[in-house]
PDB file of N, CA and C in Angstrom:
ATOM      1  N   MET A   1       3.804 -17.833 -12.903  1.00  0.00           N
ATOM      2  CA  MET A   1       3.970 -16.653 -12.078  1.00  0.00           C
ATOM      3  C   MET A   1       5.290 -16.005 -12.461  1.00  0.00           C
ATOM      4  N   ASP A   2       5.283 -14.713 -12.760  1.00  0.00           N
ATOM      5  CA  ASP A   2       6.517 -14.041 -13.140  1.00  0.00           C
ATOM      6  C   ASP A   2       7.132 -13.321 -11.951  1.00  0.00           C
ATOM      7  N   ALA A   3       8.315 -12.758 -12.166  1.00  0.00           N
ATOM      8  CA  ALA A   3       9.064 -12.119 -11.080  1.00  0.00           C
ATOM      9  C   ALA A   3       8.321 -10.929 -10.483  1.00  0.00           C
ATOM     10  N   ASP A   4       7.469 -10.275 -11.265  1.00  0.00           N
ATOM     11  CA  ASP A   4       6.746  -9.113 -10.765  1.00  0.00           C
ATOM     12  C   ASP A   4       5.646  -9.491  -9.775  1.00  0.00           C
ATOM     13  N   THR A   5       5.104 -10.695  -9.890  1.00  0.00           N
ATOM     14  CA  THR A   5       4.003 -11.094  -9.021  1.00  0.00           C
ATOM     15  C   THR A   5       4.418 -12.117  -7.974  1.00  0.00           C
ATOM     16  N   ALA A   6       5.657 -12.613  -8.042  1.00  0.00           N
ATOM     17  CA  ALA A   6       6.125 -13.602  -7.078  1.00  0.00           C
ATOM     18  C   ALA A   6       6.241 -12.977  -5.693  1.00  0.00           C
ATOM     19  N   ARG A   7       5.897 -13.744  -4.676  1.00  0.00           N
ATOM     20  CA  ARG A   7       5.983 -13.270  -3.286  1.00  0.00           C
ATOM     21  C   ARG A   7       7.239 -13.795  -2.635  1.00  0.00           C
ATOM     22  N   LEU A   8       7.855 -12.954  -1.813  1.00  0.00           N
ATOM     23  CA  LEU A   8       9.020 -13.333  -1.018  1.00  0.00           C
ATOM     24  C   LEU A   8       8.646 -13.109   0.433  1.00  0.00           C
ATOM     25  N   VAL A   9       8.805 -14.160   1.256  1.00  0.00           N
ATOM     26  CA  VAL A   9       8.465 -14.074   2.667  1.00  0.00           C
ATOM     27  C   VAL A   9       9.671 -14.512   3.476  1.00  0.00           C
ATOM     28  N   GLU A  10      10.149 -13.636   4.373  1.00  0.00           N
ATOM     29  CA  GLU A  10      11.242 -13.986   5.267  1.00  0.00           C
ATOM     30  C   GLU A  10      10.659 -14.583   6.537  1.00  0.00           C
ATOM     31  N   VAL A  11      11.248 -15.705   6.991  1.00  0.00           N
ATOM     32  CA  VAL A  11      10.747 -16.399   8.174  1.00  0.00           C
ATOM     33  C   VAL A  11      11.876 -16.599   9.177  1.00  0.00           C
ATOM     34  N   THR A  12      11.499 -16.767  10.455  1.00  0.00           N
ATOM     35  CA  THR A  12      12.455 -17.007  11.533  1.00  0.00           C
ATOM     36  C   THR A  12      12.003 -18.226  12.331  1.00  0.00           C
ATOM     37  N   GLU A  13      12.697 -18.478  13.437  1.00  0.00           N
ATOM     38  CA  GLU A  13      12.379 -19.636  14.273  1.00  0.00           C
ATOM     39  C   GLU A  13      10.924 -19.643  14.731  1.00  0.00           C
ATOM     40  N   LYS A  14      10.356 -18.470  14.985  1.00  0.00           N
ATOM     41  CA  LYS A  14       8.984 -18.416  15.503  1.00  0.00           C
ATOM     42  C   LYS A  14       7.956 -18.881  14.472  1.00  0.00           C
ATOM     43  N   ASP A  15       8.342 -18.963  13.201  1.00  0.00           N
ATOM     44  CA  ASP A  15       7.433 -19.388  12.138  1.00  0.00           C
ATOM     45  C   ASP A  15       7.472 -20.891  11.893  1.00  0.00           C
ATOM     46  N   LEU A  16       8.348 -21.596  12.605  1.00  0.00           N
ATOM     47  CA  LEU A  16       8.490 -23.039  12.402  1.00  0.00           C
ATOM     48  C   LEU A  16       7.510 -23.817  13.262  1.00  0.00           C
ATOM     49  N   PRO A  17       6.984 -24.937  12.834  1.00  0.00           N
ATOM     50  CA  PRO A  17       7.139 -25.483  11.496  1.00  0.00           C
ATOM     51  C   PRO A  17       6.384 -24.628  10.484  1.00  0.00           C
ATOM     52  N   LEU A  18       7.009 -24.409   9.357  1.00  0.00           N
ATOM     53  CA  LEU A  18       6.459 -23.515   8.329  1.00  0.00           C
ATOM     54  C   LEU A  18       5.532 -24.275   7.397  1.00  0.00           C
ATOM     55  N   HIS A  19       4.402 -23.688   7.121  1.00  0.00           N
ATOM     56  CA  HIS A  19       3.510 -24.245   6.113  1.00  0.00           C
ATOM     57  C   HIS A  19       2.941 -23.108   5.275  1.00  0.00           C
ATOM     58  N   CYS A  20       2.574 -23.458   4.070  1.00  0.00           N
ATOM     59  CA  CYS A  20       1.954 -22.513   3.147  1.00  0.00           C
ATOM     60  C   CYS A  20       0.614 -23.108   2.764  1.00  0.00           C
ATOM     61  N   PRO A  21      -0.451 -22.338   2.763  1.00  0.00           N
ATOM     62  CA  PRO A  21      -0.493 -20.921   3.063  1.00  0.00           C
ATOM     63  C   PRO A  21      -0.340 -20.664   4.565  1.00  0.00           C
ATOM     64  N   THR A  22       0.172 -19.491   4.887  1.00  0.00           N
ATOM     65  CA  THR A  22       0.343 -19.111   6.283  1.00  0.00           C
ATOM     66  C   THR A  22      -1.014 -18.730   6.871  1.00  0.00           C
ATOM     67  N   PRO A  23      -1.129 -18.722   8.201  1.00  0.00           N
ATOM     68  CA  PRO A  23      -2.426 -18.437   8.828  1.00  0.00           C
ATOM     69  C   PRO A  23      -3.055 -17.101   8.419  1.00  0.00           C
ATOM     70  N   GLY A  24      -2.250 -16.110   8.099  1.00  0.00           N
ATOM     71  CA  GLY A  24      -2.796 -14.802   7.747  1.00  0.00           C
ATOM     72  C   GLY A  24      -3.124 -14.621   6.278  1.00  0.00           C
ATOM     73  N   ALA A  25      -2.981 -15.668   5.481  1.00  0.00           N
ATOM     74  CA  ALA A  25      -3.238 -15.549   4.045  1.00  0.00           C
ATOM     75  C   ALA A  25      -4.712 -15.264   3.786  1.00  0.00           C
ATOM     76  N   PRO A  26      -5.011 -14.392   2.815  1.00  0.00           N
ATOM     77  CA  PRO A  26      -6.412 -14.118   2.493  1.00  0.00           C
ATOM     78  C   PRO A  26      -7.089 -15.358   1.910  1.00  0.00           C
ATOM     79  N   LEU A  27      -8.377 -15.433   2.023  1.00  0.00           N
ATOM     80  CA  LEU A  27      -9.126 -16.601   1.577  1.00  0.00           C
ATOM     81  C   LEU A  27      -8.869 -16.927   0.106  1.00  0.00           C
ATOM     82  N   TRP A  28      -8.750 -15.910  -0.748  1.00  0.00           N
ATOM     83  CA  TRP A  28      -8.545 -16.161  -2.174  1.00  0.00           C
ATOM     84  C   TRP A  28      -7.176 -16.789  -2.452  1.00  0.00           C
ATOM     85  N   ALA A  29      -6.232 -16.684  -1.524  1.00  0.00           N
ATOM     86  CA  ALA A  29      -4.887 -17.200  -1.737  1.00  0.00           C
ATOM     87  C   ALA A  29      -4.693 -18.578  -1.112  1.00  0.00           C
ATOM     88  N   ARG A  30      -5.742 -19.201  -0.625  1.00  0.00           N
ATOM     89  CA  ARG A  30      -5.621 -20.496   0.051  1.00  0.00           C
ATOM     90  C   ARG A  30      -5.495 -21.635  -0.957  1.00  0.00           C
ATOM     91  N   HIS A  31      -4.729 -22.633  -0.571  1.00  0.00           N
ATOM     92  CA  HIS A  31      -4.575 -23.871  -1.326  1.00  0.00           C
ATOM     93  C   HIS A  31      -4.315 -24.966  -0.297  1.00  0.00           C
ATOM     94  N   PRO A  32      -4.221 -26.234  -0.693  1.00  0.00           N
ATOM     95  CA  PRO A  32      -3.939 -27.281   0.296  1.00  0.00           C
ATOM     96  C   PRO A  32      -2.658 -26.961   1.068  1.00  0.00           C
ATOM     97  N   ARG A  33      -2.666 -27.215   2.368  1.00  0.00           N
ATOM     98  CA  ARG A  33      -1.514 -26.909   3.222  1.00  0.00           C
ATOM     99  C   ARG A  33      -0.358 -27.846   2.893  1.00  0.00           C
ATOM    100  N   VAL A  34       0.814 -27.252   2.742  1.00  0.00           N
ATOM    101  CA  VAL A  34       2.035 -28.004   2.497  1.00  0.00           C
ATOM    102  C   VAL A  34       3.096 -27.484   3.465  1.00  0.00           C
ATOM    103  N   PHE A  35       3.789 -28.410   4.140  1.00  0.00           N
ATOM    104  CA  PHE A  35       4.846 -28.026   5.075  1.00  0.00           C
ATOM    105  C   PHE A  35       6.164 -27.905   4.309  1.00  0.00           C
ATOM    106  N   LEU A  36       6.920 -26.856   4.635  1.00  0.00           N
ATOM    107  CA  LEU A  36       8.161 -26.548   3.929  1.00  0.00           C
ATOM    108  C   LEU A  36       9.319 -26.515   4.920  1.00  0.00           C
ATOM    109  N   ASP A  37      10.384 -27.268   4.644  1.00  0.00           N
ATOM    110  CA  ASP A  37      11.559 -27.282   5.515  1.00  0.00           C
ATOM    111  C   ASP A  37      12.583 -26.289   4.973  1.00  0.00           C
ATOM    112  N   VAL A  38      12.484 -25.057   5.424  1.00  0.00           N
ATOM    113  CA  VAL A  38      13.381 -24.002   4.956  1.00  0.00           C
ATOM    114  C   VAL A  38      14.717 -24.019   5.685  1.00  0.00           C
ATOM    115  N   THR A  39      14.860 -24.825   6.733  1.00  0.00           N
ATOM    116  CA  THR A  39      16.091 -24.802   7.527  1.00  0.00           C
ATOM    117  C   THR A  39      17.237 -25.547   6.853  1.00  0.00           C
ATOM    118  N   LYS A  40      16.970 -26.465   5.949  1.00  0.00           N
ATOM    119  CA  LYS A  40      18.030 -27.241   5.299  1.00  0.00           C
ATOM    120  C   LYS A  40      18.805 -26.423   4.279  1.00  0.00           C
ATOM    121  N   ARG A  41      18.085 -25.747   3.377  1.00  0.00           N
ATOM    122  CA  ARG A  41      18.751 -24.998   2.308  1.00  0.00           C
ATOM    123  C   ARG A  41      18.667 -23.492   2.485  1.00  0.00           C
ATOM    124  N   GLY A  42      17.878 -23.057   3.455  1.00  0.00           N
ATOM    125  CA  GLY A  42      17.746 -21.619   3.689  1.00  0.00           C
ATOM    126  C   GLY A  42      16.615 -20.966   2.932  1.00  0.00           C
ATOM    127  N   GLU A  43      16.036 -21.681   1.974  1.00  0.00           N
ATOM    128  CA  GLU A  43      14.885 -21.155   1.239  1.00  0.00           C
ATOM    129  C   GLU A  43      14.156 -22.292   0.544  1.00  0.00           C
ATOM    130  N   MET A  44      12.888 -22.040   0.252  1.00  0.00           N
ATOM    131  CA  MET A  44      12.062 -23.013  -0.471  1.00  0.00           C
ATOM    132  C   MET A  44      10.963 -22.281  -1.210  1.00  0.00           C
ATOM    133  N   LEU A  45      10.510 -22.883  -2.292  1.00  0.00           N
ATOM    134  CA  LEU A  45       9.364 -22.380  -3.041  1.00  0.00           C
ATOM    135  C   LEU A  45       8.161 -23.255  -2.736  1.00  0.00           C
ATOM    136  N   CYS A  46       7.013 -22.620  -2.548  1.00  0.00           N
ATOM    137  CA  CYS A  46       5.781 -23.388  -2.378  1.00  0.00           C
ATOM    138  C   CYS A  46       5.426 -24.010  -3.725  1.00  0.00           C
ATOM    139  N   PRO A  47       5.180 -25.326  -3.759  1.00  0.00           N
ATOM    140  CA  PRO A  47       4.847 -25.966  -5.029  1.00  0.00           C
ATOM    141  C   PRO A  47       3.479 -25.566  -5.582  1.00  0.00           C
ATOM    142  N   TYR A  48       2.608 -24.994  -4.753  1.00  0.00           N
ATOM    143  CA  TYR A  48       1.285 -24.589  -5.212  1.00  0.00           C
ATOM    144  C   TYR A  48       1.257 -23.165  -5.752  1.00  0.00           C
ATOM    145  N   CYS A  49       1.765 -22.217  -4.965  1.00  0.00           N
ATOM    146  CA  CYS A  49       1.603 -20.805  -5.343  1.00  0.00           C
ATOM    147  C   CYS A  49       2.906 -20.116  -5.742  1.00  0.00           C
ATOM    148  N   GLY A  50       4.049 -20.779  -5.538  1.00  0.00           N
ATOM    149  CA  GLY A  50       5.321 -20.204  -5.934  1.00  0.00           C
ATOM    150  C   GLY A  50       5.901 -19.190  -4.965  1.00  0.00           C
ATOM    151  N   THR A  51       5.269 -19.008  -3.811  1.00  0.00           N
ATOM    152  CA  THR A  51       5.817 -18.085  -2.821  1.00  0.00           C
ATOM    153  C   THR A  51       7.193 -18.588  -2.396  1.00  0.00           C
ATOM    154  N   ARG A  52       8.157 -17.686  -2.357  1.00  0.00           N
ATOM    155  CA  ARG A  52       9.521 -18.036  -1.953  1.00  0.00           C
ATOM    156  C   ARG A  52       9.707 -17.675  -0.492  1.00  0.00           C
ATOM    157  N   TYR A  53      10.017 -18.673   0.326  1.00  0.00           N
ATOM    158  CA  TYR A  53      10.260 -18.478   1.750  1.00  0.00           C
ATOM    159  C   TYR A  53      11.765 -18.529   1.992  1.00  0.00           C
ATOM    160  N   VAL A  54      12.288 -17.492   2.658  1.00  0.00           N
ATOM    161  CA  VAL A  54      13.713 -17.402   2.965  1.00  0.00           C
ATOM    162  C   VAL A  54      13.869 -17.415   4.466  1.00  0.00           C
ATOM    163  N   TYR A  55      14.697 -18.327   4.962  1.00  0.00           N
ATOM    164  CA  TYR A  55      14.903 -18.467   6.410  1.00  0.00           C
ATOM    165  C   TYR A  55      15.993 -17.511   6.872  1.00  0.00           C
ATOM    166  N   LYS A  56      15.659 -16.637   7.814  1.00  0.00           N
ATOM    167  CA  LYS A  56      16.577 -15.633   8.330  1.00  0.00           C
ATOM    168  C   LYS A  56      16.942 -15.870   9.796  1.00  0.00           C
ATOM    169  N   GLY A  57      16.648 -17.029  10.320  1.00  0.00           N
ATOM    170  CA  GLY A  57      16.915 -17.330  11.721  1.00  0.00           C
ATOM    171  C   GLY A  57      18.138 -18.199  11.900  1.00  0.00           C
ATOM    172  N   THR A  58      18.375 -18.575  13.148  1.00  0.00           N
ATOM    173  CA  THR A  58      19.467 -19.506  13.439  1.00  0.00           C
ATOM    174  C   THR A  58      18.986 -20.925  13.227  1.00  0.00           C
ATOM    175  N   ALA A  59      19.917 -21.812  12.954  1.00  0.00           N
ATOM    176  CA  ALA A  59      19.553 -23.204  12.710  1.00  0.00           C
ATOM    177  C   ALA A  59      19.016 -23.837  13.981  1.00  0.00           C
ATOM    178  N   PRO A  60      17.841 -24.478  13.902  1.00  0.00           N
ATOM    179  CA  PRO A  60      17.303 -25.149  15.080  1.00  0.00           C
ATOM    180  C   PRO A  60      18.193 -26.321  15.480  1.00  0.00           C
ATOM    181  N   LYS A  61      18.155 -26.704  16.743  1.00  0.00           N
ATOM    182  CA  LYS A  61      18.957 -27.822  17.227  1.00  0.00           C
ATOM    183  C   LYS A  61      18.568 -29.090  16.475  1.00  0.00           C
ATOM    184  N   GLY A  62      19.570 -29.857  16.111  1.00  0.00           N
ATOM    185  CA  GLY A  62      19.330 -31.097  15.383  1.00  0.00           C
ATOM    186  C   GLY A  62      19.342 -30.942  13.875  1.00  0.00           C
ATOM    187  N   HIS A  63      19.578 -29.727  13.375  1.00  0.00           N
ATOM    188  CA  HIS A  63      19.625 -29.501  11.911  1.00  0.00           C
ATOM    189  C   HIS A  63      21.024 -29.128  11.489  1.00  0.00           C
TER     190      HIS A  63
END
């Protein structure tokens, strides 16, 4: 996947726990569900589709 086709998704506290694909993903974009902990580093890449998730919220308690 190159930079022109890569997806960037900003997430907040309401999106936690975060998993990819997200509930609104189209059927053609579905793959096995994987949970991503974006709160530790502030961002993560999905190992299946390469979507980059960036956390824009406050740190949850306990993190």
